[in-house]
C-alpha atoms as a PDB file:
ATOM      1  CA  UNK A   1     -18.061 -25.427 -12.794  1.00  0.00           C
ATOM      2  CA  UNK A   2     -19.504 -22.273 -11.243  1.00  0.00           C
ATOM      3  CA  UNK A   3     -23.031 -21.159 -12.165  1.00  0.00           C
ATOM      4  CA  UNK A   4     -23.649 -17.476 -12.786  1.00  0.00           C
ATOM      5  CA  UNK A   5     -26.819 -17.038 -10.709  1.00  0.00           C
ATOM      6  CA  UNK A   6     -28.239 -13.748  -9.501  1.00  0.00           C
ATOM      7  CA  UNK A   7     -29.222 -13.397  -5.823  1.00  0.00           C
ATOM      8  CA  UNK A   8     -32.818 -14.564  -6.388  1.00  0.00           C
ATOM      9  CA  UNK A   9     -31.694 -17.660  -8.271  1.00  0.00           C
ATOM     10  CA  UNK A  10     -29.090 -18.404  -5.612  1.00  0.00           C
ATOM     11  CA  UNK A  11     -31.733 -18.201  -2.872  1.00  0.00           C
ATOM     12  CA  UNK A  12     -34.033 -20.587  -4.727  1.00  0.00           C
ATOM     13  CA  UNK A  13     -31.165 -22.973  -5.492  1.00  0.00           C
ATOM     14  CA  UNK A  14     -29.992 -22.884  -1.864  1.00  0.00           C
ATOM     15  CA  UNK A  15     -33.519 -23.681  -0.677  1.00  0.00           C
ATOM     16  CA  UNK A  16     -33.645 -26.671  -3.036  1.00  0.00           C
ATOM     17  CA  UNK A  17     -30.280 -27.933  -1.798  1.00  0.00           C
ATOM     18  CA  UNK A  18     -31.435 -27.642   1.813  1.00  0.00           C
ATOM     19  CA  UNK A  19     -34.498 -29.730   0.917  1.00  0.00           C
ATOM     20  CA  UNK A  20     -32.208 -32.252  -0.788  1.00  0.00           C
ATOM     21  CA  UNK A  21     -30.069 -32.480   2.331  1.00  0.00           C
ATOM     22  CA  UNK A  22     -33.144 -33.342   4.410  1.00  0.00           C
ATOM     23  CA  UNK A  23     -34.186 -36.020   1.912  1.00  0.00           C
ATOM     24  CA  UNK A  24     -30.690 -37.547   1.934  1.00  0.00           C
ATOM     25  CA  UNK A  25     -30.735 -37.741   5.741  1.00  0.00           C
ATOM     26  CA  UNK A  26     -34.154 -39.429   5.651  1.00  0.00           C
ATOM     27  CA  UNK A  27     -33.053 -41.887   2.942  1.00  0.00           C
ATOM     28  CA  UNK A  28     -29.917 -42.921   4.809  1.00  0.00           C
ATOM     29  CA  UNK A  29     -31.924 -43.450   8.011  1.00  0.00           C
ATOM     30  CA  UNK A  30     -34.408 -45.653   6.148  1.00  0.00           C
ATOM     31  CA  UNK A  31     -31.606 -47.659   4.526  1.00  0.00           C
ATOM     32  CA  UNK A  32     -30.121 -48.317   7.970  1.00  0.00           C
ATOM     33  CA  UNK A  33     -33.569 -49.537   9.079  1.00  0.00           C
ATOM     34  CA  UNK A  34     -33.702 -51.764   5.949  1.00  0.00           C
ATOM     35  CA  UNK A  35     -36.796 -49.946   4.670  1.00  0.00           C
ATOM     36  CA  UNK A  36     -35.467 -49.920   1.132  1.00  0.00           C
ATOM     37  CA  UNK A  37     -38.671 -49.238  -0.789  1.00  0.00           C
ATOM     38  CA  UNK A  38     -39.351 -46.158   1.358  1.00  0.00           C
ATOM     39  CA  UNK A  39     -35.745 -45.001   0.956  1.00  0.00           C
ATOM     40  CA  UNK A  40     -36.075 -44.975  -2.839  1.00  0.00           C
ATOM     41  CA  UNK A  41     -38.658 -42.168  -2.709  1.00  0.00           C
ATOM     42  CA  UNK A  42     -36.398 -39.962  -0.587  1.00  0.00           C
ATOM     43  CA  UNK A  43     -33.359 -40.684  -2.739  1.00  0.00           C
ATOM     44  CA  UNK A  44     -35.237 -39.725  -5.872  1.00  0.00           C
ATOM     45  CA  UNK A  45     -36.623 -36.506  -4.420  1.00  0.00           C
ATOM     46  CA  UNK A  46     -33.154 -35.538  -3.208  1.00  0.00           C
ATOM     47  CA  UNK A  47     -31.909 -35.955  -6.784  1.00  0.00           C
ATOM     48  CA  UNK A  48     -34.975 -34.065  -8.060  1.00  0.00           C
ATOM     49  CA  UNK A  49     -34.127 -31.073  -5.835  1.00  0.00           C
ATOM     50  CA  UNK A  50     -30.395 -31.147  -6.618  1.00  0.00           C
ATOM     51  CA  UNK A  51     -31.105 -31.279 -10.356  1.00  0.00           C
ATOM     52  CA  UNK A  52     -33.501 -28.330 -10.099  1.00  0.00           C
ATOM     53  CA  UNK A  53     -30.875 -26.316  -8.234  1.00  0.00           C
ATOM     54  CA  UNK A  54     -28.541 -26.719 -11.211  1.00  0.00           C
ATOM     55  CA  UNK A  55     -31.235 -25.790 -13.749  1.00  0.00           C
ATOM     56  CA  UNK A  56     -32.671 -22.582 -12.278  1.00  0.00           C
ATOM     57  CA  UNK A  57     -32.081 -20.659 -15.514  1.00  0.00           C
ATOM     58  CA  UNK A  58     -33.828 -23.348 -17.599  1.00  0.00           C
ATOM     59  CA  UNK A  59     -36.924 -24.282 -15.576  1.00  0.00           C
ATOM     60  CA  UNK A  60     -40.200 -22.632 -14.628  1.00  0.00           C
ATOM     61  CA  UNK A  61     -41.494 -22.097 -11.114  1.00  0.00           C
ATOM     62  CA  UNK A  62     -43.014 -25.576 -10.725  1.00  0.00           C
ATOM     63  CA  UNK A  63     -41.332 -27.954 -13.196  1.00  0.00           C
ATOM     64  CA  UNK A  64     -42.672 -31.450 -13.756  1.00  0.00           C
ATOM     65  CA  UNK A  65     -40.595 -34.547 -13.102  1.00  0.00           C
ATOM     66  CA  UNK A  66     -40.196 -35.356 -16.831  1.00  0.00           C
ATOM     67  CA  UNK A  67     -39.209 -31.722 -17.532  1.00  0.00           C
ATOM     68  CA  UNK A  68     -36.407 -31.820 -14.955  1.00  0.00           C
ATOM     69  CA  UNK A  69     -35.033 -35.090 -16.304  1.00  0.00           C
ATOM     70  CA  UNK A  70     -35.263 -33.871 -19.906  1.00  0.00           C
ATOM     71  CA  UNK A  71     -33.475 -30.584 -19.161  1.00  0.00           C
ATOM     72  CA  UNK A  72     -30.782 -32.353 -17.124  1.00  0.00           C
ATOM     73  CA  UNK A  73     -29.963 -34.519 -20.156  1.00  0.00           C
ATOM     74  CA  UNK A  74     -30.209 -31.575 -22.554  1.00  0.00           C
ATOM     75  CA  UNK A  75     -28.056 -29.126 -20.588  1.00  0.00           C
ATOM     76  CA  UNK A  76     -25.550 -31.417 -18.889  1.00  0.00           C
ATOM     77  CA  UNK A  77     -25.712 -34.745 -20.742  1.00  0.00           C
ATOM     78  CA  UNK A  78     -22.662 -33.976 -22.860  1.00  0.00           C
ATOM     79  CA  UNK A  79     -21.044 -31.247 -20.788  1.00  0.00           C
ATOM     80  CA  UNK A  80     -17.311 -31.789 -20.165  1.00  0.00           C
ATOM     81  CA  UNK A  81     -17.665 -30.029 -16.799  1.00  0.00           C
ATOM     82  CA  UNK A  82     -20.533 -32.198 -15.536  1.00  0.00           C
ATOM     83  CA  UNK A  83     -20.017 -35.866 -14.575  1.00  0.00           C
ATOM     84  CA  UNK A  84     -22.223 -38.010 -16.775  1.00  0.00           C
ATOM     85  CA  UNK A  85     -22.863 -40.443 -13.903  1.00  0.00           C
ATOM     86  CA  UNK A  86     -25.027 -37.814 -12.136  1.00  0.00           C
ATOM     87  CA  UNK A  87     -27.332 -37.541 -15.151  1.00  0.00           C
ATOM     88  CA  UNK A  88     -27.576 -41.326 -15.279  1.00  0.00           C
ATOM     89  CA  UNK A  89     -28.148 -41.471 -11.505  1.00  0.00           C
ATOM     90  CA  UNK A  90     -31.119 -39.125 -11.729  1.00  0.00           C
ATOM     91  CA  UNK A  91     -32.686 -41.137 -14.557  1.00  0.00           C
ATOM     92  CA  UNK A  92     -32.103 -44.391 -12.698  1.00  0.00           C
ATOM     93  CA  UNK A  93     -33.667 -43.112  -9.465  1.00  0.00           C
ATOM     94  CA  UNK A  94     -36.615 -41.630 -11.381  1.00  0.00           C
ATOM     95  CA  UNK A  95     -37.267 -44.956 -13.071  1.00  0.00           C
ATOM     96  CA  UNK A  96     -36.863 -46.907  -9.821  1.00  0.00           C
ATOM     97  CA  UNK A  97     -39.191 -44.585  -7.932  1.00  0.00           C
ATOM     98  CA  UNK A  98     -41.842 -44.965 -10.660  1.00  0.00           C
ATOM     99  CA  UNK A  99     -41.543 -48.747 -10.556  1.00  0.00           C
ATOM    100  CA  UNK A 100     -41.726 -48.897  -6.772  1.00  0.00           C
ATOM    101  CA  UNK A 101     -44.747 -46.598  -6.632  1.00  0.00           C
ATOM    102  CA  UNK A 102     -46.815 -47.780  -9.536  1.00  0.00           C
ATOM    103  CA  UNK A 103     -45.580 -50.982 -11.164  1.00  0.00           C
ATOM    104  CA  UNK A 104     -43.691 -53.335  -8.904  1.00  0.00           C
ATOM    105  CA  UNK A 105     -44.007 -55.006  -5.545  1.00  0.00           C
ATOM    106  CA  UNK A 106     -40.334 -56.020  -5.390  1.00  0.00           C
ATOM    107  CA  UNK A 107     -37.783 -54.327  -3.166  1.00  0.00           C
ATOM    108  CA  UNK A 108     -34.630 -52.807  -4.666  1.00  0.00           C
ATOM    109  CA  UNK A 109     -31.263 -54.459  -4.167  1.00  0.00           C
ATOM    110  CA  UNK A 110     -29.740 -53.130  -0.890  1.00  0.00           C
ATOM    111  CA  UNK A 111     -26.181 -52.998  -2.296  1.00  0.00           C
ATOM    112  CA  UNK A 112     -27.368 -51.040  -5.353  1.00  0.00           C
ATOM    113  CA  UNK A 113     -29.347 -48.649  -3.196  1.00  0.00           C
ATOM    114  CA  UNK A 114     -26.413 -47.996  -0.869  1.00  0.00           C
ATOM    115  CA  UNK A 115     -24.183 -47.317  -3.888  1.00  0.00           C
ATOM    116  CA  UNK A 116     -26.734 -44.862  -5.304  1.00  0.00           C
ATOM    117  CA  UNK A 117     -26.966 -43.145  -1.909  1.00  0.00           C
ATOM    118  CA  UNK A 118     -23.185 -42.594  -1.972  1.00  0.00           C
ATOM    119  CA  UNK A 119     -23.313 -41.256  -5.537  1.00  0.00           C
ATOM    120  CA  UNK A 120     -26.232 -39.013  -4.606  1.00  0.00           C
ATOM    121  CA  UNK A 121     -24.294 -37.411  -1.764  1.00  0.00           C
ATOM    122  CA  UNK A 122     -21.446 -36.731  -4.209  1.00  0.00           C
ATOM    123  CA  UNK A 123     -23.989 -35.210  -6.618  1.00  0.00           C
ATOM    124  CA  UNK A 124     -25.275 -32.968  -3.810  1.00  0.00           C
ATOM    125  CA  UNK A 125     -21.705 -31.952  -2.851  1.00  0.00           C
ATOM    126  CA  UNK A 126     -20.924 -31.194  -6.506  1.00  0.00           C
ATOM    127  CA  UNK A 127     -23.990 -28.907  -6.735  1.00  0.00           C
ATOM    128  CA  UNK A 128     -22.941 -27.118  -3.536  1.00  0.00           C
ATOM    129  CA  UNK A 129     -19.621 -26.259  -5.184  1.00  0.00           C
ATOM    130  CA  UNK A 130     -21.343 -25.032  -8.359  1.00  0.00           C
ATOM    131  CA  UNK A 131     -23.709 -22.631  -6.607  1.00  0.00           C
ATOM    132  CA  UNK A 132     -22.471 -19.734  -4.501  1.00  0.00           C
ATOM    133  CA  UNK A 133     -24.306 -20.160  -1.229  1.00  0.00           C
ATOM    134  CA  UNK A 134     -26.334 -17.519   0.562  1.00  0.00           C
ATOM    135  CA  UNK A 135     -23.963 -16.435   3.312  1.00  0.00           C
ATOM    136  CA  UNK A 136     -24.641 -14.665   6.581  1.00  0.00           C
ATOM    137  CA  UNK A 137     -23.050 -11.627   4.980  1.00  0.00           C
ATOM    138  CA  UNK A 138     -25.819 -11.729   2.338  1.00  0.00           C
ATOM    139  CA  UNK A 139     -28.496 -12.086   5.029  1.00  0.00           C
ATOM    140  CA  UNK A 140     -27.115  -9.183   7.055  1.00  0.00           C
ATOM    141  CA  UNK A 141     -26.896  -7.038   3.918  1.00  0.00           C
ATOM    142  CA  UNK A 142     -30.611  -7.669   3.293  1.00  0.00           C
ATOM    143  CA  UNK A 143     -31.431  -6.714   6.890  1.00  0.00           C
ATOM    144  CA  UNK A 144     -29.332  -3.577   6.505  1.00  0.00           C
ATOM    145  CA  UNK A 145     -31.230  -2.591   3.346  1.00  0.00           C
ATOM    146  CA  UNK A 146     -34.513  -2.925   5.257  1.00  0.00           C
ATOM    147  CA  UNK A 147     -33.192  -0.825   8.164  1.00  0.00           C
ATOM    148  CA  UNK A 148     -30.614   1.557   6.669  1.00  0.00           C
ATOM    149  CA  UNK A 149     -30.672   4.152   9.474  1.00  0.00           C
ATOM    150  CA  UNK A 150     -31.202   1.883  12.480  1.00  0.00           C
ATOM    151  CA  UNK A 151     -28.129  -0.353  12.354  1.00  0.00           C
ATOM    152  CA  UNK A 152     -24.825   1.171  13.422  1.00  0.00           C
ATOM    153  CA  UNK A 153     -23.118  -2.067  14.498  1.00  0.00           C
ATOM    154  CA  UNK A 154     -23.445  -5.834  14.217  1.00  0.00           C
ATOM    155  CA  UNK A 155     -21.883  -8.138  16.793  1.00  0.00           C
ATOM    156  CA  UNK A 156     -20.543 -11.681  16.780  1.00  0.00           C
ATOM    157  CA  UNK A 157     -19.652 -13.882  19.762  1.00  0.00           C
ATOM    158  CA  UNK A 158     -16.951 -16.550  19.540  1.00  0.00           C
ATOM    159  CA  UNK A 159     -17.682 -19.233  22.126  1.00  0.00           C
ATOM    160  CA  UNK A 160     -17.591 -22.938  22.954  1.00  0.00           C
ATOM    161  CA  UNK A 161     -20.839 -24.507  21.668  1.00  0.00           C
ATOM    162  CA  UNK A 162     -20.723 -27.231  24.321  1.00  0.00           C
ATOM    163  CA  UNK A 163     -21.508 -24.829  27.154  1.00  0.00           C
ATOM    164  CA  UNK A 164     -23.618 -21.683  27.447  1.00  0.00           C
ATOM    165  CA  UNK A 165     -22.128 -20.118  30.560  1.00  0.00           C
ATOM    166  CA  UNK A 166     -19.008 -19.947  32.757  1.00  0.00           C
ATOM    167  CA  UNK A 167     -16.689 -20.254  29.795  1.00  0.00           C
ATOM    168  CA  UNK A 168     -14.489 -17.967  27.692  1.00  0.00           C
ATOM    169  CA  UNK A 169     -16.660 -15.897  25.348  1.00  0.00           C
ATOM    170  CA  UNK A 170     -15.400 -13.072  23.145  1.00  0.00           C
ATOM    171  CA  UNK A 171     -17.600 -10.416  21.516  1.00  0.00           C
ATOM    172  CA  UNK A 172     -16.593  -8.539  18.364  1.00  0.00           C
ATOM    173  CA  UNK A 173     -18.470  -5.413  17.274  1.00  0.00           C
ATOM    174  CA  UNK A 174     -18.212  -4.121  13.726  1.00  0.00           C
ATOM    175  CA  UNK A 175     -19.972  -1.443  11.672  1.00  0.00           C
ATOM    176  CA  UNK A 176     -21.901  -2.584   8.560  1.00  0.00           C
ATOM    177  CA  UNK A 177     -19.313  -1.290   6.069  1.00  0.00           C
ATOM    178  CA  UNK A 178     -17.029  -4.142   7.186  1.00  0.00           C
ATOM    179  CA  UNK A 179     -19.432  -6.778   5.814  1.00  0.00           C
ATOM    180  CA  UNK A 180     -17.795  -6.997   2.347  1.00  0.00           C
ATOM    181  CA  UNK A 181     -14.299  -7.010   3.832  1.00  0.00           C
ATOM    182  CA  UNK A 182     -14.239 -10.119   5.984  1.00  0.00           C
ATOM    183  CA  UNK A 183     -16.123 -13.364   6.404  1.00  0.00           C
ATOM    184  CA  UNK A 184     -17.343 -14.909   9.621  1.00  0.00           C
ATOM    185  CA  UNK A 185     -15.128 -17.941   8.996  1.00  0.00           C
ATOM    186  CA  UNK A 186     -12.032 -15.731   8.751  1.00  0.00           C
ATOM    187  CA  UNK A 187     -13.003 -13.884  11.917  1.00  0.00           C
ATOM    188  CA  UNK A 188     -13.437 -17.190  13.772  1.00  0.00           C
ATOM    189  CA  UNK A 189     -10.063 -18.471  12.560  1.00  0.00           C
ATOM    190  CA  UNK A 190      -8.212 -15.399  13.868  1.00  0.00           C
ATOM    191  CA  UNK A 191     -10.047 -15.460  17.208  1.00  0.00           C
ATOM    192  CA  UNK A 192      -9.209 -19.144  17.650  1.00  0.00           C
ATOM    193  CA  UNK A 193      -5.534 -18.267  17.195  1.00  0.00           C
ATOM    194  CA  UNK A 194      -5.888 -15.652  19.928  1.00  0.00           C
ATOM    195  CA  UNK A 195      -7.594 -18.163  22.219  1.00  0.00           C
ATOM    196  CA  UNK A 196      -4.771 -20.656  21.691  1.00  0.00           C
ATOM    197  CA  UNK A 197      -2.245 -17.979  22.594  1.00  0.00           C
ATOM    198  CA  UNK A 198      -4.252 -17.347  25.764  1.00  0.00           C
ATOM    199  CA  UNK A 199      -4.078 -21.095  26.437  1.00  0.00           C
ATOM    200  CA  UNK A 200      -7.834 -21.584  26.350  1.00  0.00           C
ATOM    201  CA  UNK A 201      -8.608 -25.309  26.264  1.00  0.00           C
ATOM    202  CA  UNK A 202     -10.027 -26.829  23.075  1.00  0.00           C
ATOM    203  CA  UNK A 203      -9.992 -23.529  21.197  1.00  0.00           C
ATOM    204  CA  UNK A 204     -10.470 -25.454  17.941  1.00  0.00           C
ATOM    205  CA  UNK A 205     -14.027 -26.308  19.027  1.00  0.00           C
ATOM    206  CA  UNK A 206     -15.037 -22.658  19.233  1.00  0.00           C
ATOM    207  CA  UNK A 207     -17.606 -21.259  16.804  1.00  0.00           C
ATOM    208  CA  UNK A 208     -18.878 -17.823  15.814  1.00  0.00           C
ATOM    209  CA  UNK A 209     -22.451 -16.811  16.540  1.00  0.00           C
ATOM    210  CA  UNK A 210     -24.380 -13.788  15.336  1.00  0.00           C
ATOM    211  CA  UNK A 211     -25.923 -11.767  18.172  1.00  0.00           C
ATOM    212  CA  UNK A 212     -29.410 -10.274  18.268  1.00  0.00           C
ATOM    213  CA  UNK A 213     -28.208  -7.052  19.890  1.00  0.00           C
ATOM    214  CA  UNK A 214     -27.415  -4.262  17.444  1.00  0.00           C
ATOM    215  CA  UNK A 215     -25.295  -1.196  18.188  1.00  0.00           C
ATOM    216  CA  UNK A 216     -23.002  -0.890  21.180  1.00  0.00           C
ATOM    217  CA  UNK A 217     -24.818   2.111  22.631  1.00  0.00           C
ATOM    218  CA  UNK A 218     -28.518   1.312  22.124  1.00  0.00           C
ATOM    219  CA  UNK A 219     -30.981  -1.454  22.917  1.00  0.00           C
ATOM    220  CA  UNK A 220     -32.022  -2.639  19.483  1.00  0.00           C
ATOM    221  CA  UNK A 221     -32.440  -6.324  18.679  1.00  0.00           C
ATOM    222  CA  UNK A 222     -33.201  -8.749  15.883  1.00  0.00           C
ATOM    223  CA  UNK A 223     -35.549 -11.665  16.506  1.00  0.00           C
ATOM    224  CA  UNK A 224     -33.561 -14.903  16.762  1.00  0.00           C
ATOM    225  CA  UNK A 225     -35.174 -18.292  17.370  1.00  0.00           C
ATOM    226  CA  UNK A 226     -34.012 -21.920  17.438  1.00  0.00           C
ATOM    227  CA  UNK A 227     -36.601 -24.366  16.087  1.00  0.00           C
ATOM    228  CA  UNK A 228     -36.527 -28.114  16.667  1.00  0.00           C
ATOM    229  CA  UNK A 229     -38.635 -28.700  13.546  1.00  0.00           C
ATOM    230  CA  UNK A 230     -40.741 -26.793  11.033  1.00  0.00           C
ATOM    231  CA  UNK A 231     -43.954 -27.513   9.164  1.00  0.00           C
ATOM    232  CA  UNK A 232     -46.534 -25.489   7.227  1.00  0.00           C
ATOM    233  CA  UNK A 233     -48.007 -23.999  10.427  1.00  0.00           C
ATOM    234  CA  UNK A 234     -44.596 -22.941  11.746  1.00  0.00           C
ATOM    235  CA  UNK A 235     -43.633 -21.436   8.409  1.00  0.00           C
ATOM    236  CA  UNK A 236     -46.918 -19.511   8.381  1.00  0.00           C
ATOM    237  CA  UNK A 237     -46.094 -18.035  11.797  1.00  0.00           C
ATOM    238  CA  UNK A 238     -42.538 -17.159  10.777  1.00  0.00           C
ATOM    239  CA  UNK A 239     -43.837 -15.493   7.609  1.00  0.00           C
ATOM    240  CA  UNK A 240     -45.800 -13.060   9.795  1.00  0.00           C
ATOM    241  CA  UNK A 241     -42.534 -12.098  11.536  1.00  0.00           C
ATOM    242  CA  UNK A 242     -40.483 -11.899   8.327  1.00  0.00           C
ATOM    243  CA  UNK A 243     -36.912 -13.097   8.036  1.00  0.00           C
ATOM    244  CA  UNK A 244     -34.653 -15.992   7.051  1.00  0.00           C
ATOM    245  CA  UNK A 245     -34.824 -19.648   8.064  1.00  0.00           C
ATOM    246  CA  UNK A 246     -31.588 -21.666   8.116  1.00  0.00           C
ATOM    247  CA  UNK A 247     -31.076 -25.398   8.467  1.00  0.00           C
ATOM    248  CA  UNK A 248     -28.674 -26.208  11.289  1.00  0.00           C
ATOM    249  CA  UNK A 249     -27.983 -29.913  11.590  1.00  0.00           C
ATOM    250  CA  UNK A 250     -31.219 -31.516  12.733  1.00  0.00           C
ATOM    251  CA  UNK A 251     -32.824 -28.208  13.731  1.00  0.00           C
ATOM    252  CA  UNK A 252     -33.425 -24.755  12.296  1.00  0.00           C
ATOM    253  CA  UNK A 253     -32.417 -21.159  13.038  1.00  0.00           C
ATOM    254  CA  UNK A 254     -34.567 -18.127  12.306  1.00  0.00           C
ATOM    255  CA  UNK A 255     -33.280 -14.552  11.980  1.00  0.00           C
ATOM    256  CA  UNK A 256     -35.912 -11.813  11.705  1.00  0.00           C
ATOM    257  CA  UNK A 257     -35.393  -8.886   9.370  1.00  0.00           C
ATOM    258  CA  UNK A 258     -37.202  -6.262  11.473  1.00  0.00           C
ATOM    259  CA  UNK A 259     -35.750  -4.487  14.495  1.00  0.00           C
ATOM    260  CA  UNK A 260     -37.234  -4.439  17.994  1.00  0.00           C
ATOM    261  CA  UNK A 261     -36.601  -1.144  19.776  1.00  0.00           C
ATOM    262  CA  UNK A 262     -35.760  -1.404  23.474  1.00  0.00           C
ATOM    263  CA  UNK A 263     -34.500  -4.134  25.803  1.00  0.00           C
ATOM    264  CA  UNK A 264     -37.850  -4.553  27.568  1.00  0.00           C
ATOM    265  CA  UNK A 265     -39.744  -4.803  24.285  1.00  0.00           C
ATOM    266  CA  UNK A 266     -37.313  -7.461  23.051  1.00  0.00           C
ATOM    267  CA  UNK A 267     -37.722  -9.482  26.267  1.00  0.00           C
ATOM    268  CA  UNK A 268     -41.530  -9.225  25.998  1.00  0.00           C
ATOM    269  CA  UNK A 269     -41.384 -10.433  22.395  1.00  0.00           C
ATOM    270  CA  UNK A 270     -39.238 -13.441  23.327  1.00  0.00           C
ATOM    271  CA  UNK A 271     -41.644 -14.439  26.109  1.00  0.00           C
ATOM    272  CA  UNK A 272     -44.546 -13.970  23.717  1.00  0.00           C
ATOM    273  CA  UNK A 273     -42.944 -16.454  21.316  1.00  0.00           C
ATOM    274  CA  UNK A 274     -42.761 -18.983  24.159  1.00  0.00           C
ATOM    275  CA  UNK A 275     -46.521 -18.634  24.706  1.00  0.00           C
ATOM    276  CA  UNK A 276     -47.344 -18.824  21.000  1.00  0.00           C
ATOM    277  CA  UNK A 277     -49.581 -21.897  20.414  1.00  0.00           C
ATOM    278  CA  UNK A 278     -47.646 -22.883  17.276  1.00  0.00           C
ATOM    279  CA  UNK A 279     -44.072 -21.630  17.712  1.00  0.00           C
ATOM    280  CA  UNK A 280     -43.952 -22.426  21.429  1.00  0.00           C
ATOM    281  CA  UNK A 281     -44.267 -26.154  20.753  1.00  0.00           C
ATOM    282  CA  UNK A 282     -41.446 -26.284  18.213  1.00  0.00           C
ATOM    283  CA  UNK A 283     -38.801 -23.894  19.520  1.00  0.00           C
ATOM    284  CA  UNK A 284     -35.838 -24.545  21.773  1.00  0.00           C
ATOM    285  CA  UNK A 285     -37.130 -23.051  25.035  1.00  0.00           C
ATOM    286  CA  UNK A 286     -33.715 -23.357  26.697  1.00  0.00           C
ATOM    287  CA  UNK A 287     -32.251 -21.064  24.019  1.00  0.00           C
ATOM    288  CA  UNK A 288     -34.767 -18.323  24.865  1.00  0.00           C
ATOM    289  CA  UNK A 289     -34.304 -18.776  28.615  1.00  0.00           C
ATOM    290  CA  UNK A 290     -30.514 -18.386  28.317  1.00  0.00           C
ATOM    291  CA  UNK A 291     -30.902 -15.459  25.899  1.00  0.00           C
ATOM    292  CA  UNK A 292     -33.139 -13.611  28.370  1.00  0.00           C
ATOM    293  CA  UNK A 293     -30.655 -14.179  31.194  1.00  0.00           C
ATOM    294  CA  UNK A 294     -27.720 -13.064  29.045  1.00  0.00           C
ATOM    295  CA  UNK A 295     -29.555 -10.062  27.609  1.00  0.00           C
ATOM    296  CA  UNK A 296     -29.247 -11.037  23.944  1.00  0.00           C
ATOM    297  CA  UNK A 297     -29.614 -14.064  21.665  1.00  0.00           C
ATOM    298  CA  UNK A 298     -26.843 -15.805  19.740  1.00  0.00           C
ATOM    299  CA  UNK A 299     -27.208 -18.113  16.734  1.00  0.00           C
ATOM    300  CA  UNK A 300     -24.253 -20.177  15.543  1.00  0.00           C
ATOM    301  CA  UNK A 301     -23.006 -19.325  12.039  1.00  0.00           C
ATOM    302  CA  UNK A 302     -19.808 -21.404  11.669  1.00  0.00           C
ATOM    303  CA  UNK A 303     -18.865 -25.029  12.307  1.00  0.00           C
ATOM    304  CA  UNK A 304     -16.179 -26.811  14.331  1.00  0.00           C
ATOM    305  CA  UNK A 305     -15.370 -30.387  15.358  1.00  0.00           C
ATOM    306  CA  UNK A 306     -17.830 -29.934  18.231  1.00  0.00           C
ATOM    307  CA  UNK A 307     -20.576 -28.735  15.837  1.00  0.00           C
ATOM    308  CA  UNK A 308     -19.699 -30.111  12.385  1.00  0.00           C
ATOM    309  CA  UNK A 309     -22.864 -29.011  10.553  1.00  0.00           C
ATOM    310  CA  UNK A 310     -22.710 -25.399   9.379  1.00  0.00           C
ATOM    311  CA  UNK A 311     -26.081 -23.578   9.272  1.00  0.00           C
ATOM    312  CA  UNK A 312     -27.232 -23.131   5.675  1.00  0.00           C
ATOM    313  CA  UNK A 313     -29.867 -20.923   4.052  1.00  0.00           C
ATOM    314  CA  UNK A 314     -33.191 -22.759   3.861  1.00  0.00           C
ATOM    315  CA  UNK A 315     -35.981 -20.296   3.076  1.00  0.00           C
ATOM    316  CA  UNK A 316     -36.805 -16.597   3.106  1.00  0.00           C
ATOM    317  CA  UNK A 317     -40.061 -15.136   4.418  1.00  0.00           C
END
């Protein structure tokens, strides 16, 4: 089942799925700690977000909990393309969360909760397949639309994510009209084949990373930051910059949509972010230090056995 969403609906659905992923991680951690009552809340909200992602064409901006459950039954309850167990799972978690919060002092059965956690992850994976994700190609196309005359080239590095220096690192430059023609994953696959032919060790661990530097013959940059965590204050600061936030494993990546003109101006901006009272506390300072020494920033955009979590669209500012 593939949902026919426009770009705005896909962005909202992708944001909801990123939120669901965070809730699933929290729930599983709480289950391991045997905090079962607390885990129920996170399991339910994960299901709440996944269900909303599949109902973007049927729900308003801020749907109520009963509205989501009702629409899930109405739209997918008898659909041959939608597993009935996911509808039942959502209803079960909604009921359990209500009981835990308002009506009961008992703890849920651990075996039942672990089973529901497994089903929930399958529900999340199913939704991921139904919704075309926001790719880096989409993000770069948006940046290009905002800066149509300033971007002559994008660049991607293919590198080992376990080390930042003194290792094989290949850079590929390409003009914007190539964006619809190839994906970053395909590019990485071909470069890995080249690395194997060159007898580079552990070429399968290599990943592709988008670079901040634009154009081979000018000093234009995008803002790129690695965040350890985000909250309302951080999001408020990122909104002033403008760009896209991606979830990358346990951390976050931020790609700005506006261009900084000049190498010195870019370096000043990066140091200014380090001194920022809000962003400076949450960002990966080592990433900025290495970026300044290298002369450009790189943010990973593909996965490998060394970095199994692929960065996914989280929110747009």
